[in-house]
């Protein structure tokens, strides 16, 4: 099922980080919140260090992810 089409579940979100470093094209990294770990594994995602939430934007999921 498409994650963006699913009803939001507490704490589950797909987040994006865009990094440009002054280049024309940016590097795009997607992060799943810890509450979405089972979804992340289904997509083949790997665990990583927690990114700073300052520059993350929500693509799909719980709009209140930042408060959790």
N, C-alpha and C. Protein backbone atom coordinates (compact mmCIF):
# COMPACT_ATOMS: atom_id res chain seq x y z
N UNK A 1 0.84 -1.20 0.00
CA UNK A 1 0.00 0.00 0.00
C UNK A 1 0.88 1.25 0.00
N UNK A 2 0.40 2.29 -0.60
CA UNK A 2 1.12 3.55 -0.68
C UNK A 2 1.09 4.24 0.69
N UNK A 3 2.26 4.53 1.24
CA UNK A 3 2.35 5.13 2.57
C UNK A 3 1.61 6.46 2.63
N UNK A 4 1.72 7.27 1.58
CA UNK A 4 1.08 8.59 1.58
C UNK A 4 -0.44 8.49 1.57
N UNK A 5 -0.99 7.39 1.06
CA UNK A 5 -2.44 7.24 0.99
C UNK A 5 -3.04 6.64 2.25
N UNK A 6 -2.19 6.12 3.14
CA UNK A 6 -2.69 5.50 4.37
C UNK A 6 -3.09 6.55 5.38
N UNK A 7 -4.05 6.25 6.25
CA UNK A 7 -4.38 7.17 7.34
C UNK A 7 -3.17 7.34 8.26
N UNK A 8 -2.96 8.55 8.76
CA UNK A 8 -1.82 8.81 9.65
C UNK A 8 -1.96 8.03 10.95
N UNK A 9 -0.88 7.42 11.36
CA UNK A 9 -0.81 6.69 12.61
C UNK A 9 0.14 7.47 13.52
N UNK A 10 -0.18 7.53 14.82
CA UNK A 10 0.63 8.32 15.76
C UNK A 10 2.12 8.06 15.60
N UNK A 11 2.85 9.11 15.28
CA UNK A 11 4.29 9.05 15.22
C UNK A 11 4.87 8.51 13.93
N UNK A 12 4.07 7.91 13.06
CA UNK A 12 4.60 7.37 11.81
C UNK A 12 4.63 8.46 10.75
N UNK A 13 5.83 8.72 10.23
CA UNK A 13 5.95 9.74 9.19
C UNK A 13 7.15 9.43 8.30
N UNK A 14 7.07 9.90 7.07
CA UNK A 14 8.16 9.84 6.11
C UNK A 14 8.64 11.27 5.93
N UNK A 15 9.92 11.50 6.19
CA UNK A 15 10.49 12.84 6.20
C UNK A 15 11.56 12.98 5.14
N UNK A 16 11.75 14.19 4.64
CA UNK A 16 12.76 14.45 3.62
C UNK A 16 13.75 15.50 4.10
N UNK A 17 15.00 15.32 3.72
CA UNK A 17 16.05 16.30 3.97
C UNK A 17 16.69 16.63 2.64
N UNK A 18 16.65 17.91 2.26
CA UNK A 18 17.26 18.37 1.01
C UNK A 18 18.55 19.11 1.36
N UNK A 19 19.66 18.68 0.75
CA UNK A 19 20.94 19.32 0.99
C UNK A 19 21.50 19.78 -0.36
N UNK A 20 21.89 21.06 -0.44
CA UNK A 20 22.36 21.57 -1.72
C UNK A 20 23.86 21.86 -1.74
N UNK A 21 24.43 22.30 -0.66
CA UNK A 21 25.86 22.66 -0.61
C UNK A 21 26.23 23.61 -1.74
N UNK A 22 25.29 24.46 -2.17
CA UNK A 22 25.55 25.44 -3.20
C UNK A 22 25.58 24.89 -4.62
N UNK A 23 25.26 23.62 -4.80
CA UNK A 23 25.26 23.03 -6.13
C UNK A 23 23.90 23.26 -6.79
N UNK A 24 23.88 23.05 -8.10
CA UNK A 24 22.63 23.19 -8.85
C UNK A 24 21.62 22.13 -8.43
N UNK A 25 22.07 20.89 -8.29
CA UNK A 25 21.19 19.80 -7.87
C UNK A 25 21.37 19.55 -6.38
N UNK A 26 20.32 19.05 -5.75
CA UNK A 26 20.42 18.77 -4.32
C UNK A 26 20.45 17.27 -4.08
N UNK A 27 20.93 16.92 -2.91
CA UNK A 27 20.90 15.53 -2.46
C UNK A 27 19.66 15.38 -1.59
N UNK A 28 18.89 14.34 -1.84
CA UNK A 28 17.64 14.12 -1.12
C UNK A 28 17.76 12.83 -0.31
N UNK A 29 17.52 12.94 0.99
CA UNK A 29 17.56 11.78 1.88
C UNK A 29 16.18 11.64 2.52
N UNK A 30 15.66 10.42 2.52
CA UNK A 30 14.37 10.15 3.15
C UNK A 30 14.59 9.45 4.48
N UNK A 31 13.82 9.83 5.48
CA UNK A 31 13.89 9.24 6.81
C UNK A 31 12.50 8.79 7.24
N UNK A 32 12.43 7.65 7.88
CA UNK A 32 11.20 7.20 8.53
C UNK A 32 11.36 7.47 10.02
N UNK A 33 10.30 7.89 10.69
CA UNK A 33 10.36 8.06 12.14
C UNK A 33 10.47 6.68 12.80
N UNK A 34 10.96 6.60 14.04
CA UNK A 34 11.07 5.31 14.72
C UNK A 34 9.74 4.55 14.79
N UNK A 35 8.63 5.27 14.89
CA UNK A 35 7.32 4.61 14.95
C UNK A 35 6.98 3.92 13.63
N UNK A 36 7.66 4.29 12.57
CA UNK A 36 7.42 3.70 11.25
C UNK A 36 8.48 2.67 10.89
N UNK A 37 9.15 2.10 11.88
CA UNK A 37 10.26 1.17 11.63
C UNK A 37 9.84 -0.03 10.79
N UNK A 38 8.67 -0.58 11.04
CA UNK A 38 8.25 -1.76 10.26
C UNK A 38 8.03 -1.37 8.79
N UNK A 39 7.52 -0.18 8.53
CA UNK A 39 7.37 0.29 7.16
C UNK A 39 8.74 0.53 6.52
N UNK A 40 9.66 1.09 7.28
CA UNK A 40 11.00 1.35 6.77
C UNK A 40 11.68 0.04 6.35
N UNK A 41 11.56 -0.98 7.18
CA UNK A 41 12.16 -2.27 6.84
C UNK A 41 11.55 -2.84 5.57
N UNK A 42 10.24 -2.68 5.40
CA UNK A 42 9.57 -3.18 4.20
C UNK A 42 10.08 -2.48 2.94
N UNK A 43 10.57 -1.25 3.06
CA UNK A 43 11.11 -0.50 1.93
C UNK A 43 12.62 -0.70 1.79
N UNK A 44 13.21 -1.50 2.67
CA UNK A 44 14.65 -1.76 2.60
C UNK A 44 15.51 -0.68 3.23
N UNK A 45 14.91 0.16 4.06
CA UNK A 45 15.68 1.21 4.72
C UNK A 45 16.59 0.62 5.78
N UNK A 46 17.67 1.33 6.07
CA UNK A 46 18.63 0.90 7.08
C UNK A 46 18.60 1.88 8.26
N UNK A 47 18.84 1.40 9.47
CA UNK A 47 18.90 2.30 10.63
C UNK A 47 20.05 3.30 10.47
N UNK A 48 19.87 4.47 11.04
CA UNK A 48 20.90 5.51 10.98
C UNK A 48 20.83 6.34 12.26
N UNK A 49 21.78 7.25 12.39
CA UNK A 49 21.73 8.18 13.50
C UNK A 49 20.55 9.13 13.29
N UNK A 50 19.99 9.60 14.37
CA UNK A 50 18.84 10.50 14.29
C UNK A 50 19.28 11.84 13.70
N UNK A 51 18.64 12.27 12.61
CA UNK A 51 19.00 13.57 12.03
C UNK A 51 18.41 14.71 12.85
N UNK A 52 18.97 15.89 12.69
CA UNK A 52 18.40 17.07 13.32
C UNK A 52 17.05 17.36 12.67
N UNK A 53 16.01 17.60 13.44
CA UNK A 53 14.69 17.84 12.85
C UNK A 53 14.55 19.22 12.21
N UNK A 54 15.55 20.08 12.38
CA UNK A 54 15.44 21.47 11.94
C UNK A 54 15.13 21.62 10.45
N UNK A 55 15.74 20.82 9.60
CA UNK A 55 15.56 21.00 8.16
C UNK A 55 14.75 19.88 7.51
N UNK A 56 14.11 19.07 8.32
CA UNK A 56 13.30 17.98 7.77
C UNK A 56 11.92 18.50 7.37
N UNK A 57 11.40 17.97 6.29
CA UNK A 57 10.03 18.29 5.90
C UNK A 57 9.24 16.99 5.80
N UNK A 58 7.99 17.04 6.19
CA UNK A 58 7.15 15.85 6.19
C UNK A 58 6.60 15.63 4.79
N UNK A 59 6.81 14.42 4.27
CA UNK A 59 6.24 14.05 2.99
C UNK A 59 4.89 13.36 3.19
N UNK A 60 4.80 12.51 4.21
CA UNK A 60 3.57 11.76 4.47
C UNK A 60 3.56 11.33 5.93
N UNK A 61 2.36 11.02 6.41
CA UNK A 61 2.22 10.49 7.76
C UNK A 61 1.75 11.53 8.77
N UNK A 62 2.02 11.23 10.03
CA UNK A 62 1.55 12.01 11.17
C UNK A 62 2.12 13.44 11.15
N UNK A 63 1.25 14.43 11.06
CA UNK A 63 1.68 15.83 11.05
C UNK A 63 2.26 16.24 12.40
N UNK A 64 1.97 15.51 13.46
CA UNK A 64 2.50 15.84 14.79
C UNK A 64 3.79 15.10 15.12
N UNK A 65 4.48 14.58 14.12
CA UNK A 65 5.69 13.78 14.36
C UNK A 65 6.74 14.56 15.15
N UNK A 66 6.85 15.85 14.93
CA UNK A 66 7.89 16.66 15.57
C UNK A 66 7.71 16.73 17.08
N UNK A 67 6.47 16.65 17.55
CA UNK A 67 6.18 16.75 18.98
C UNK A 67 6.46 15.45 19.72
N UNK A 68 6.68 14.36 18.99
CA UNK A 68 6.89 13.07 19.64
C UNK A 68 8.33 12.78 19.86
